[in-house]
N, C-alpha and C. Protein backbone atom coordinates (compact mmCIF):
# COMPACT_ATOMS: atom_id res chain seq x y z
N UNK A 1 9.76 12.80 -5.74
CA UNK A 1 10.38 12.03 -6.79
C UNK A 1 9.48 12.13 -8.02
N UNK A 2 10.04 12.39 -9.16
CA UNK A 2 9.21 12.49 -10.35
C UNK A 2 9.30 11.21 -11.17
N UNK A 3 8.49 11.14 -12.24
CA UNK A 3 8.44 9.95 -13.08
C UNK A 3 9.81 9.57 -13.62
N UNK A 4 10.59 10.54 -14.08
CA UNK A 4 11.88 10.22 -14.66
C UNK A 4 12.85 9.65 -13.64
N UNK A 5 12.81 10.15 -12.41
CA UNK A 5 13.70 9.62 -11.38
C UNK A 5 13.37 8.17 -11.07
N UNK A 6 12.09 7.81 -11.11
CA UNK A 6 11.70 6.43 -10.82
C UNK A 6 12.15 5.46 -11.89
N UNK A 7 12.23 5.90 -13.11
CA UNK A 7 12.50 4.99 -14.22
C UNK A 7 13.77 5.34 -14.99
N UNK A 8 14.81 5.77 -14.30
CA UNK A 8 16.09 6.06 -14.94
C UNK A 8 15.95 7.00 -16.13
N UNK A 9 15.24 8.10 -15.92
CA UNK A 9 15.02 9.14 -16.93
C UNK A 9 14.21 8.67 -18.14
N UNK A 10 13.51 7.56 -18.02
CA UNK A 10 12.71 7.06 -19.13
C UNK A 10 11.24 7.39 -18.98
N UNK A 11 10.84 8.02 -17.91
CA UNK A 11 9.41 8.25 -17.66
C UNK A 11 8.76 6.95 -17.26
N UNK A 12 7.54 7.02 -16.75
CA UNK A 12 6.90 5.77 -16.35
C UNK A 12 5.62 5.59 -17.12
N UNK A 13 5.39 4.39 -17.61
CA UNK A 13 4.11 4.11 -18.27
C UNK A 13 2.98 4.28 -17.27
N UNK A 14 1.82 4.60 -17.73
CA UNK A 14 0.71 4.85 -16.82
C UNK A 14 -0.44 3.87 -17.04
N UNK A 15 -0.18 2.75 -17.66
CA UNK A 15 -1.19 1.73 -17.82
C UNK A 15 -0.63 0.42 -17.31
N UNK A 16 -1.51 -0.53 -17.07
CA UNK A 16 -1.04 -1.84 -16.67
C UNK A 16 -1.90 -2.45 -15.58
N UNK A 17 -1.48 -3.62 -15.10
CA UNK A 17 -2.21 -4.39 -14.11
C UNK A 17 -1.38 -4.62 -12.87
N UNK A 18 -2.01 -4.57 -11.71
CA UNK A 18 -1.41 -4.93 -10.43
C UNK A 18 -2.34 -5.92 -9.77
N UNK A 19 -1.77 -6.86 -9.05
CA UNK A 19 -2.56 -7.85 -8.35
C UNK A 19 -2.05 -7.92 -6.92
N UNK A 20 -2.93 -7.77 -5.92
CA UNK A 20 -2.56 -7.77 -4.52
C UNK A 20 -3.19 -8.94 -3.80
N UNK A 21 -2.45 -9.47 -2.84
CA UNK A 21 -2.97 -10.52 -1.97
C UNK A 21 -2.28 -10.41 -0.62
N UNK A 22 -3.00 -10.65 0.44
CA UNK A 22 -2.48 -10.75 1.79
C UNK A 22 -1.70 -9.51 2.23
N UNK A 23 -2.38 -8.41 2.43
CA UNK A 23 -1.76 -7.19 2.93
C UNK A 23 -1.73 -7.28 4.45
N UNK A 24 -0.52 -7.20 5.05
CA UNK A 24 -0.37 -7.42 6.48
C UNK A 24 0.62 -6.44 7.08
N UNK A 25 0.56 -6.28 8.40
CA UNK A 25 1.51 -5.49 9.17
C UNK A 25 2.28 -6.42 10.09
N UNK A 26 3.59 -6.23 10.17
CA UNK A 26 4.42 -7.05 11.04
C UNK A 26 5.41 -6.18 11.78
N UNK A 27 5.98 -6.69 12.87
CA UNK A 27 6.98 -5.96 13.66
C UNK A 27 6.39 -5.52 14.97
N UNK A 28 7.20 -4.89 15.80
CA UNK A 28 6.70 -4.41 17.09
C UNK A 28 7.35 -3.09 17.44
N UNK A 29 6.57 -2.17 17.93
CA UNK A 29 7.05 -0.91 18.46
C UNK A 29 5.95 -0.28 19.28
N UNK A 30 6.26 0.78 19.99
CA UNK A 30 5.26 1.48 20.77
C UNK A 30 4.24 2.12 19.83
N UNK A 31 3.02 2.39 20.31
CA UNK A 31 2.03 3.05 19.46
C UNK A 31 2.50 4.44 19.05
N UNK A 32 2.05 4.88 17.88
CA UNK A 32 2.39 6.21 17.40
C UNK A 32 1.68 7.25 18.26
N UNK A 33 2.43 8.19 18.76
CA UNK A 33 1.89 9.33 19.51
C UNK A 33 2.52 10.57 18.90
N UNK A 34 1.70 11.51 18.41
CA UNK A 34 2.29 12.72 17.81
C UNK A 34 3.30 13.37 18.75
N UNK A 35 4.40 13.83 18.19
CA UNK A 35 5.46 14.54 18.89
C UNK A 35 6.31 13.65 19.81
N UNK A 36 6.11 12.34 19.77
CA UNK A 36 6.95 11.43 20.54
C UNK A 36 7.61 10.43 19.61
N UNK A 37 8.76 9.92 19.99
CA UNK A 37 9.49 8.98 19.17
C UNK A 37 9.31 7.56 19.73
N UNK A 38 8.71 6.62 18.94
CA UNK A 38 8.49 5.27 19.43
C UNK A 38 9.76 4.42 19.36
N UNK A 39 9.70 3.26 19.97
CA UNK A 39 10.82 2.32 19.91
C UNK A 39 10.93 1.73 18.52
N UNK A 40 12.09 1.17 18.22
CA UNK A 40 12.29 0.51 16.93
C UNK A 40 11.55 -0.83 16.94
N UNK A 41 11.19 -1.36 15.75
CA UNK A 41 10.41 -2.60 15.69
C UNK A 41 11.21 -3.82 16.13
N UNK A 42 10.49 -4.81 16.65
CA UNK A 42 11.05 -6.13 16.90
C UNK A 42 10.00 -7.14 16.44
N UNK A 43 9.37 -7.86 17.33
CA UNK A 43 8.36 -8.83 16.93
C UNK A 43 7.01 -8.48 17.52
N UNK A 44 5.96 -8.67 16.75
CA UNK A 44 4.60 -8.40 17.21
C UNK A 44 3.66 -9.35 16.50
N UNK A 45 2.42 -9.39 16.96
CA UNK A 45 1.46 -10.24 16.28
C UNK A 45 1.12 -9.63 14.93
N UNK A 46 0.79 -10.47 14.01
CA UNK A 46 0.46 -10.09 12.65
C UNK A 46 -0.93 -9.46 12.60
N UNK A 47 -1.08 -8.37 11.88
CA UNK A 47 -2.39 -7.74 11.65
C UNK A 47 -2.68 -7.88 10.16
N UNK A 48 -3.74 -8.57 9.83
CA UNK A 48 -4.13 -8.71 8.43
C UNK A 48 -5.01 -7.53 8.05
N UNK A 49 -4.55 -6.73 7.11
CA UNK A 49 -5.34 -5.62 6.60
C UNK A 49 -6.41 -6.16 5.66
N UNK A 50 -6.03 -7.04 4.75
CA UNK A 50 -6.98 -7.70 3.86
C UNK A 50 -6.30 -8.88 3.19
N UNK A 51 -6.95 -10.03 3.20
CA UNK A 51 -6.44 -11.19 2.45
C UNK A 51 -7.35 -11.52 1.27
N UNK A 52 -8.43 -10.77 1.12
CA UNK A 52 -9.38 -10.85 0.01
C UNK A 52 -10.17 -12.16 -0.03
N UNK A 53 -10.07 -12.97 1.02
CA UNK A 53 -10.78 -14.25 1.06
C UNK A 53 -12.20 -14.11 1.59
N UNK A 54 -12.50 -13.07 2.35
CA UNK A 54 -13.78 -12.99 3.04
C UNK A 54 -14.91 -12.40 2.18
N UNK A 55 -14.60 -11.89 1.02
CA UNK A 55 -15.63 -11.25 0.19
C UNK A 55 -16.51 -12.29 -0.49
N UNK A 56 -17.81 -12.11 -0.36
CA UNK A 56 -18.76 -13.03 -1.00
C UNK A 56 -18.70 -12.93 -2.52
N UNK A 57 -18.43 -11.72 -2.99
CA UNK A 57 -18.37 -11.50 -4.43
C UNK A 57 -17.61 -10.21 -4.73
N UNK A 58 -17.48 -9.90 -6.00
CA UNK A 58 -16.74 -8.70 -6.41
C UNK A 58 -17.39 -7.42 -5.90
N UNK A 59 -18.71 -7.38 -5.86
CA UNK A 59 -19.40 -6.18 -5.38
C UNK A 59 -19.03 -5.89 -3.92
N UNK A 60 -18.90 -6.91 -3.10
CA UNK A 60 -18.51 -6.72 -1.70
C UNK A 60 -17.09 -6.18 -1.59
N UNK A 61 -16.17 -6.69 -2.42
CA UNK A 61 -14.79 -6.19 -2.42
C UNK A 61 -14.76 -4.73 -2.87
N UNK A 62 -15.52 -4.40 -3.91
CA UNK A 62 -15.55 -3.02 -4.40
C UNK A 62 -16.15 -2.08 -3.37
N UNK A 63 -17.10 -2.55 -2.59
CA UNK A 63 -17.66 -1.74 -1.51
C UNK A 63 -16.58 -1.42 -0.48
N UNK A 64 -15.75 -2.41 -0.15
CA UNK A 64 -14.70 -2.21 0.84
C UNK A 64 -13.56 -1.34 0.32
N UNK A 65 -13.22 -1.45 -0.96
CA UNK A 65 -12.08 -0.74 -1.53
C UNK A 65 -12.49 0.45 -2.41
N UNK A 66 -13.75 0.83 -2.41
CA UNK A 66 -14.23 1.87 -3.30
C UNK A 66 -14.36 3.24 -2.68
N UNK A 67 -13.58 3.54 -1.66
CA UNK A 67 -13.69 4.82 -0.97
C UNK A 67 -13.30 6.02 -1.83
N UNK A 68 -12.64 5.81 -2.93
CA UNK A 68 -12.29 6.91 -3.84
C UNK A 68 -13.09 6.85 -5.13
N UNK A 69 -14.08 5.95 -5.17
CA UNK A 69 -15.04 5.83 -6.27
C UNK A 69 -14.42 5.43 -7.60
N UNK A 70 -13.31 4.74 -7.59
CA UNK A 70 -12.69 4.27 -8.83
C UNK A 70 -12.75 2.75 -8.92
N UNK A 71 -13.90 2.19 -8.61
CA UNK A 71 -14.02 0.74 -8.58
C UNK A 71 -14.01 0.09 -9.96
N UNK A 72 -14.14 0.89 -11.01
CA UNK A 72 -14.11 0.32 -12.36
C UNK A 72 -12.76 -0.32 -12.69
N UNK A 73 -11.70 0.02 -11.97
CA UNK A 73 -10.38 -0.55 -12.22
C UNK A 73 -10.11 -1.78 -11.35
N UNK A 74 -11.07 -2.16 -10.50
CA UNK A 74 -10.88 -3.26 -9.57
C UNK A 74 -11.68 -4.49 -9.96
N UNK A 75 -11.10 -5.66 -9.69
CA UNK A 75 -11.84 -6.90 -9.81
C UNK A 75 -11.35 -7.87 -8.75
N UNK A 76 -12.22 -8.79 -8.36
CA UNK A 76 -11.87 -9.85 -7.42
C UNK A 76 -11.72 -11.11 -8.25
N UNK A 77 -10.53 -11.69 -8.21
CA UNK A 77 -10.21 -12.82 -9.05
C UNK A 77 -9.83 -14.01 -8.17
N UNK A 78 -10.04 -15.21 -8.69
CA UNK A 78 -9.72 -16.42 -7.95
C UNK A 78 -8.74 -17.26 -8.76
N UNK A 79 -7.65 -17.68 -8.10
CA UNK A 79 -6.67 -18.56 -8.74
C UNK A 79 -7.21 -19.98 -8.78
N UNK A 80 -6.52 -20.86 -9.51
CA UNK A 80 -6.93 -22.26 -9.62
C UNK A 80 -7.03 -22.95 -8.27
N UNK A 81 -6.18 -22.53 -7.31
CA UNK A 81 -6.20 -23.15 -5.98
C UNK A 81 -7.27 -22.57 -5.06
N UNK A 82 -8.09 -21.63 -5.56
CA UNK A 82 -9.16 -21.04 -4.77
C UNK A 82 -8.79 -19.76 -4.06
N UNK A 83 -7.53 -19.34 -4.10
CA UNK A 83 -7.07 -18.12 -3.46
C UNK A 83 -7.64 -16.90 -4.19
N UNK A 84 -8.28 -16.01 -3.43
CA UNK A 84 -8.83 -14.78 -4.02
C UNK A 84 -7.83 -13.65 -3.89
N UNK A 85 -7.84 -12.74 -4.86
CA UNK A 85 -6.98 -11.58 -4.82
C UNK A 85 -7.64 -10.40 -5.52
N UNK A 86 -7.17 -9.19 -5.19
CA UNK A 86 -7.64 -7.96 -5.80
C UNK A 86 -6.79 -7.67 -7.03
N UNK A 87 -7.43 -7.35 -8.14
CA UNK A 87 -6.71 -6.94 -9.33
C UNK A 87 -7.08 -5.51 -9.67
N UNK A 88 -6.04 -4.70 -9.90
CA UNK A 88 -6.19 -3.30 -10.30
C UNK A 88 -5.73 -3.23 -11.75
N UNK A 89 -6.61 -2.84 -12.65
CA UNK A 89 -6.26 -2.76 -14.07
C UNK A 89 -6.73 -1.42 -14.60
N UNK A 90 -5.78 -0.62 -15.11
CA UNK A 90 -6.09 0.71 -15.61
C UNK A 90 -5.56 0.83 -17.04
N UNK A 91 -6.26 0.26 -18.02
CA UNK A 91 -5.77 0.29 -19.40
C UNK A 91 -5.78 1.67 -20.04
N UNK A 92 -6.51 2.61 -19.46
CA UNK A 92 -6.61 3.96 -20.03
C UNK A 92 -5.50 4.88 -19.54
N UNK A 93 -4.76 4.47 -18.52
CA UNK A 93 -3.66 5.26 -18.01
C UNK A 93 -4.11 6.38 -17.10
N UNK A 94 -3.15 7.11 -16.57
CA UNK A 94 -3.43 8.21 -15.67
C UNK A 94 -3.50 7.75 -14.23
N UNK A 95 -3.76 8.69 -13.35
CA UNK A 95 -3.80 8.43 -11.92
C UNK A 95 -5.21 8.09 -11.49
N UNK A 96 -5.42 6.91 -10.96
CA UNK A 96 -6.69 6.54 -10.34
C UNK A 96 -6.39 5.90 -9.01
N UNK A 97 -6.83 6.53 -7.94
CA UNK A 97 -6.54 6.00 -6.61
C UNK A 97 -7.70 5.15 -6.11
N UNK A 98 -7.34 4.11 -5.38
CA UNK A 98 -8.31 3.27 -4.70
C UNK A 98 -7.88 3.20 -3.24
N UNK A 99 -8.84 3.04 -2.35
CA UNK A 99 -8.50 3.06 -0.92
C UNK A 99 -9.50 2.24 -0.13
N UNK A 100 -9.02 1.75 0.97
CA UNK A 100 -9.89 1.20 2.00
C UNK A 100 -9.58 1.94 3.29
N UNK A 101 -10.60 2.36 3.99
CA UNK A 101 -10.42 3.07 5.25
C UNK A 101 -10.67 2.10 6.39
N UNK A 102 -9.75 2.08 7.35
CA UNK A 102 -9.85 1.14 8.46
C UNK A 102 -9.98 1.85 9.80
N UNK A 103 -10.20 3.16 9.79
CA UNK A 103 -10.20 3.92 11.03
C UNK A 103 -11.26 3.47 12.02
N UNK A 104 -12.36 2.91 11.58
CA UNK A 104 -13.41 2.46 12.50
C UNK A 104 -13.35 0.97 12.80
N UNK A 105 -12.34 0.29 12.31
CA UNK A 105 -12.16 -1.15 12.52
C UNK A 105 -11.09 -1.35 13.59
N UNK A 106 -11.51 -1.64 14.82
CA UNK A 106 -10.56 -1.71 15.93
C UNK A 106 -9.56 -2.85 15.80
N UNK A 107 -9.84 -3.86 15.01
CA UNK A 107 -8.88 -4.94 14.79
C UNK A 107 -7.78 -4.50 13.84
N UNK A 108 -8.16 -3.81 12.75
CA UNK A 108 -7.18 -3.44 11.73
C UNK A 108 -6.56 -2.06 11.91
N UNK A 109 -7.13 -1.20 12.75
CA UNK A 109 -6.60 0.17 12.82
C UNK A 109 -5.59 0.39 13.93
N UNK A 110 -5.34 -0.57 14.78
CA UNK A 110 -4.35 -0.41 15.84
C UNK A 110 -3.03 -1.02 15.37
N UNK A 111 -2.14 -0.18 14.88
CA UNK A 111 -0.87 -0.64 14.34
C UNK A 111 0.22 -0.65 15.40
N UNK A 112 -0.18 -0.72 16.65
CA UNK A 112 0.79 -0.81 17.74
C UNK A 112 1.73 -1.97 17.48
N UNK A 113 3.00 -1.69 17.51
CA UNK A 113 4.00 -2.73 17.30
C UNK A 113 4.31 -3.00 15.85
N UNK A 114 3.70 -2.28 14.93
CA UNK A 114 3.93 -2.56 13.51
C UNK A 114 5.15 -1.83 12.99
N UNK A 115 6.02 -2.56 12.33
CA UNK A 115 7.23 -1.98 11.78
C UNK A 115 7.32 -2.10 10.27
N UNK A 116 6.54 -3.01 9.68
CA UNK A 116 6.57 -3.21 8.24
C UNK A 116 5.16 -3.45 7.72
N UNK A 117 4.92 -2.96 6.53
CA UNK A 117 3.73 -3.29 5.77
C UNK A 117 4.18 -4.28 4.71
N UNK A 118 3.58 -5.45 4.67
CA UNK A 118 3.96 -6.45 3.67
C UNK A 118 2.74 -6.85 2.87
N UNK A 119 2.97 -7.18 1.62
CA UNK A 119 1.90 -7.70 0.78
C UNK A 119 2.49 -8.51 -0.35
N UNK A 120 1.67 -9.39 -0.88
CA UNK A 120 2.06 -10.16 -2.05
C UNK A 120 1.57 -9.40 -3.28
N UNK A 121 2.40 -9.38 -4.31
CA UNK A 121 2.11 -8.58 -5.49
C UNK A 121 2.63 -9.29 -6.73
N UNK A 122 1.89 -9.20 -7.81
CA UNK A 122 2.43 -9.53 -9.12
C UNK A 122 1.90 -8.48 -10.08
N UNK A 123 2.70 -8.21 -11.11
CA UNK A 123 2.32 -7.16 -12.05
C UNK A 123 2.70 -7.58 -13.46
N UNK A 124 2.37 -6.75 -14.42
CA UNK A 124 2.52 -7.12 -15.83
C UNK A 124 3.88 -6.81 -16.43
N UNK A 125 4.83 -6.36 -15.65
CA UNK A 125 6.18 -6.12 -16.15
C UNK A 125 6.33 -4.88 -17.00
N UNK A 126 5.41 -3.93 -16.88
CA UNK A 126 5.43 -2.73 -17.73
C UNK A 126 6.29 -1.61 -17.16
N UNK A 127 7.06 -1.88 -16.11
CA UNK A 127 7.92 -0.87 -15.46
C UNK A 127 7.15 0.31 -14.89
N UNK A 128 5.90 0.08 -14.53
CA UNK A 128 5.15 1.11 -13.82
C UNK A 128 5.70 1.29 -12.43
N UNK A 129 5.20 2.25 -11.74
CA UNK A 129 5.45 2.41 -10.32
C UNK A 129 4.11 2.65 -9.66
N UNK A 130 4.01 2.27 -8.41
CA UNK A 130 2.77 2.56 -7.69
C UNK A 130 3.12 3.40 -6.47
N UNK A 131 2.17 4.21 -6.07
CA UNK A 131 2.34 5.07 -4.92
C UNK A 131 1.41 4.56 -3.85
N UNK A 132 1.96 4.14 -2.72
CA UNK A 132 1.16 3.71 -1.58
C UNK A 132 1.08 4.86 -0.59
N UNK A 133 -0.11 5.13 -0.09
CA UNK A 133 -0.29 6.21 0.86
C UNK A 133 -0.93 5.64 2.13
N UNK A 134 -0.39 6.04 3.27
CA UNK A 134 -0.86 5.56 4.56
C UNK A 134 -1.23 6.78 5.40
N UNK A 135 -2.46 6.79 5.91
CA UNK A 135 -2.91 7.87 6.78
C UNK A 135 -2.70 7.51 8.23
N UNK A 136 -2.45 8.51 9.07
CA UNK A 136 -2.23 8.29 10.50
C UNK A 136 -3.41 8.84 11.30
N UNK A 137 -3.46 8.48 12.56
CA UNK A 137 -4.56 8.90 13.43
C UNK A 137 -4.60 10.40 13.63
N UNK A 138 -3.46 11.08 13.46
CA UNK A 138 -3.44 12.53 13.65
C UNK A 138 -3.64 13.29 12.34
N UNK A 139 -4.16 12.61 11.30
CA UNK A 139 -4.55 13.28 10.08
C UNK A 139 -3.44 13.55 9.08
N UNK A 140 -2.29 12.92 9.23
CA UNK A 140 -1.20 13.08 8.27
C UNK A 140 -1.19 11.88 7.33
N UNK A 141 -0.70 12.12 6.13
CA UNK A 141 -0.58 11.05 5.15
C UNK A 141 0.87 10.96 4.69
N UNK A 142 1.33 9.73 4.54
CA UNK A 142 2.69 9.45 4.10
C UNK A 142 2.62 8.54 2.90
N UNK A 143 3.54 8.74 1.95
CA UNK A 143 3.54 7.90 0.76
C UNK A 143 4.93 7.35 0.49
N UNK A 144 4.94 6.28 -0.26
CA UNK A 144 6.17 5.67 -0.74
C UNK A 144 5.91 5.17 -2.16
N UNK A 145 6.87 5.39 -3.03
CA UNK A 145 6.79 4.89 -4.40
C UNK A 145 7.42 3.50 -4.45
N UNK A 146 6.76 2.58 -5.12
CA UNK A 146 7.26 1.22 -5.28
C UNK A 146 7.43 0.96 -6.77
N UNK A 147 8.67 0.79 -7.23
CA UNK A 147 8.93 0.50 -8.63
C UNK A 147 8.47 -0.92 -8.93
N UNK A 148 7.81 -1.08 -10.06
CA UNK A 148 7.33 -2.38 -10.51
C UNK A 148 8.18 -2.80 -11.71
N UNK A 149 9.37 -3.28 -11.42
CA UNK A 149 10.39 -3.54 -12.44
C UNK A 149 10.03 -4.75 -13.29
N UNK A 150 10.30 -4.64 -14.57
CA UNK A 150 10.02 -5.75 -15.49
C UNK A 150 10.85 -6.98 -15.15
N UNK A 151 12.05 -6.78 -14.59
CA UNK A 151 12.89 -7.92 -14.25
C UNK A 151 12.36 -8.72 -13.06
N UNK A 152 11.33 -8.22 -12.37
CA UNK A 152 10.71 -8.97 -11.27
C UNK A 152 9.99 -10.21 -11.76
N UNK A 153 9.61 -10.24 -13.04
CA UNK A 153 8.87 -11.37 -13.58
C UNK A 153 7.39 -11.29 -13.26
N UNK A 154 6.66 -12.32 -13.69
CA UNK A 154 5.21 -12.33 -13.56
C UNK A 154 4.71 -13.15 -12.38
N UNK A 155 5.61 -13.66 -11.55
CA UNK A 155 5.21 -14.46 -10.40
C UNK A 155 4.94 -13.58 -9.18
N UNK A 156 4.23 -14.15 -8.20
CA UNK A 156 3.98 -13.45 -6.96
C UNK A 156 5.30 -13.17 -6.25
N UNK A 157 5.41 -11.98 -5.67
CA UNK A 157 6.56 -11.67 -4.83
C UNK A 157 6.05 -10.93 -3.60
N UNK A 158 6.81 -11.01 -2.53
CA UNK A 158 6.45 -10.32 -1.30
C UNK A 158 7.16 -8.97 -1.28
N UNK A 159 6.40 -7.92 -1.06
CA UNK A 159 6.93 -6.57 -0.95
C UNK A 159 6.87 -6.17 0.52
N UNK A 160 7.96 -5.62 1.05
CA UNK A 160 8.00 -5.15 2.42
C UNK A 160 8.34 -3.66 2.42
N UNK A 161 7.56 -2.89 3.15
CA UNK A 161 7.80 -1.45 3.26
C UNK A 161 8.00 -1.13 4.74
N UNK A 162 9.20 -0.65 5.06
CA UNK A 162 9.49 -0.27 6.44
C UNK A 162 8.66 0.95 6.81
N UNK A 163 8.03 0.90 7.98
CA UNK A 163 7.24 2.01 8.49
C UNK A 163 8.04 2.87 9.47
N UNK A 164 9.22 2.39 9.85
CA UNK A 164 10.08 3.08 10.80
C UNK A 164 11.41 3.38 10.12
N UNK A 165 11.89 4.61 10.27
CA UNK A 165 13.19 5.02 9.72
C UNK A 165 13.34 4.68 8.24
N UNK A 166 12.33 4.97 7.46
CA UNK A 166 12.35 4.74 6.02
C UNK A 166 12.40 6.09 5.32
N UNK A 167 13.55 6.48 4.76
CA UNK A 167 13.65 7.79 4.11
C UNK A 167 12.78 7.92 2.87
N UNK A 168 12.28 6.81 2.33
CA UNK A 168 11.40 6.86 1.16
C UNK A 168 9.95 7.10 1.54
N UNK A 169 9.60 6.94 2.81
CA UNK A 169 8.24 7.16 3.29
C UNK A 169 8.14 8.62 3.74
N UNK A 170 7.53 9.45 2.91
CA UNK A 170 7.51 10.89 3.17
C UNK A 170 6.09 11.43 3.29
N UNK A 171 5.95 12.53 4.00
CA UNK A 171 4.64 13.14 4.19
C UNK A 171 4.13 13.70 2.87
N UNK A 172 2.90 13.31 2.52
CA UNK A 172 2.27 13.83 1.30
C UNK A 172 1.14 14.80 1.60
N UNK A 173 0.61 14.78 2.82
CA UNK A 173 -0.44 15.70 3.22
C UNK A 173 -0.44 15.79 4.72
N UNK A 174 -0.68 16.90 5.34
CA UNK A 174 -1.13 18.16 4.76
C UNK A 174 -0.01 18.92 4.07
N UNK A 175 -0.43 19.90 3.34
CA UNK A 175 0.50 20.76 2.62
C UNK A 175 1.07 21.78 3.61
N UNK A 176 2.05 21.34 4.38
CA UNK A 176 2.67 22.24 5.35
C UNK A 176 4.19 22.13 5.22
N UNK A 177 4.90 22.65 6.20
CA UNK A 177 6.36 22.68 6.12
C UNK A 177 6.99 21.28 6.15
N UNK A 178 6.22 20.24 6.49
CA UNK A 178 6.75 18.88 6.53
C UNK A 178 6.46 18.07 5.29
N UNK A 179 5.72 18.64 4.33
CA UNK A 179 5.41 17.91 3.10
C UNK A 179 6.73 17.54 2.41
N UNK A 180 6.83 16.26 2.02
CA UNK A 180 8.02 15.76 1.35
C UNK A 180 9.12 15.33 2.30
N UNK A 181 8.91 15.52 3.60
CA UNK A 181 9.93 15.13 4.59
C UNK A 181 9.59 13.78 5.21
N UNK A 182 10.61 13.09 5.65
CA UNK A 182 10.44 11.84 6.38
C UNK A 182 10.12 12.15 7.83
N UNK A 183 9.18 11.41 8.38
CA UNK A 183 8.86 11.55 9.80
C UNK A 183 9.61 10.45 10.53
N UNK A 184 10.64 10.79 11.28
CA UNK A 184 11.47 9.78 11.93
C UNK A 184 10.78 9.13 13.12
N UNK A 185 9.56 9.54 13.42
CA UNK A 185 8.82 8.88 14.49
C UNK A 185 8.14 7.62 13.99
N UNK A 186 8.08 7.37 12.73
CA UNK A 186 7.40 6.20 12.16
C UNK A 186 8.26 4.99 12.31
């Protein structure tokens, strides 16, 4: 999908702010096994990827989310009620990726039974889009574009991304015959 397709042929702005809170996995299905098709999701225990509450300070959050070395666009902010959240601000525009790797965290890396990725998000209404990328245990990466529509407003909203049977979740790496295709085993 290109920029124009995401924004009704208007292109997408490349600057703006995103704010994330409470990234979680929900649903239930069999564990992912390459070349096998798991069951469809139902109910499972919640896995918290990050709620941003445990960081002592901004430096600790940047250490956790700085795997792509673009921590200059990140800040840890606290609301009036004490809730902490991650803010991504890229006023200069362009593509800057940030990531947290959970492969060595046995609590967060076992997505057995997970059918949806959910998170709370608010943005600046600039009609940007964000690209979320999820890596699998067998070394494949899948991405989904999430439009950040101005009509969403400036309040927190919950975003849900289906991990199973989602035609928008396509392989982005490796560069092989499956790049750009949906993996129906997810």
